[in-house]
Protein backbone atom coordinates (compact mmCIF):
# COMPACT_ATOMS: atom_id res chain seq x y z
CA MET A 1 15.42 -9.36 0.05
CA PHE A 2 12.48 -7.60 1.69
CA TYR A 3 11.07 -4.13 1.13
CA VAL A 4 9.54 -1.76 3.62
CA TYR A 5 6.98 0.60 2.12
CA ILE A 6 4.70 3.43 3.15
CA ILE A 7 1.51 4.26 1.31
CA TYR A 8 -0.82 7.16 1.99
CA SER A 9 -4.48 7.90 1.29
CA LYS A 10 -5.43 11.55 1.12
CA SER A 11 -9.18 10.83 1.21
CA ILE A 12 -8.97 9.26 4.67
CA ASP A 13 -5.69 10.95 5.73
CA GLN A 14 -4.13 7.63 6.70
CA TYR A 15 -0.70 6.05 6.28
CA TYR A 16 -0.06 2.32 5.98
CA ILE A 17 3.36 0.78 6.60
CA GLY A 18 4.13 -2.72 5.38
CA SER A 19 6.86 -5.10 4.30
CA THR A 20 7.03 -7.60 1.47
CA ALA A 21 9.40 -9.66 -0.63
CA ASN A 22 7.67 -8.62 -3.87
CA LEU A 23 6.87 -4.91 -3.82
CA ILE A 24 5.28 -4.71 -7.27
CA ASP A 25 2.91 -7.60 -6.57
CA ARG A 26 2.04 -6.22 -3.14
CA LEU A 27 1.20 -2.78 -4.50
CA TYR A 28 -0.86 -4.34 -7.29
CA ARG A 29 -2.89 -6.29 -4.72
CA THR A 30 -3.32 -3.19 -2.56
CA TYR A 31 -4.56 -1.08 -5.47
CA ASN A 32 -6.74 -3.80 -7.04
CA SER A 33 -7.93 -6.15 -4.31
CA GLY A 34 -6.19 -5.53 -1.01
CA SER A 35 -7.55 -6.23 2.42
CA LYS A 36 -11.03 -5.21 3.49
CA GLY A 37 -9.66 -2.08 5.17
CA ARG A 38 -7.64 -0.89 2.18
CA LYS A 39 -9.98 -2.09 -0.57
CA LYS A 40 -12.61 0.61 -0.04
CA VAL A 41 -10.02 3.39 -0.51
CA LYS A 42 -8.95 3.99 -4.12
CA ASP A 43 -6.34 6.75 -3.78
CA TRP A 44 -3.40 4.98 -2.13
CA GLU A 45 -0.09 6.54 -3.14
CA LEU A 46 3.36 5.02 -2.62
CA LEU A 47 5.41 7.49 -0.58
CA TYR A 48 8.46 5.43 0.33
CA SER A 49 10.08 2.07 -0.31
CA LYS A 50 13.48 0.69 0.59
């Protein structure tokens, strides 16, 4: 099973849409390590997952 998710950063007014098989692990990596583009932003908020 795969999840589609949308996260949002208010500080840069940007949405990110992704998909993953392990949503909890993916969000953990986004909030704690993430990619270079998402790492510098600390206020990502999960808006949607299905």
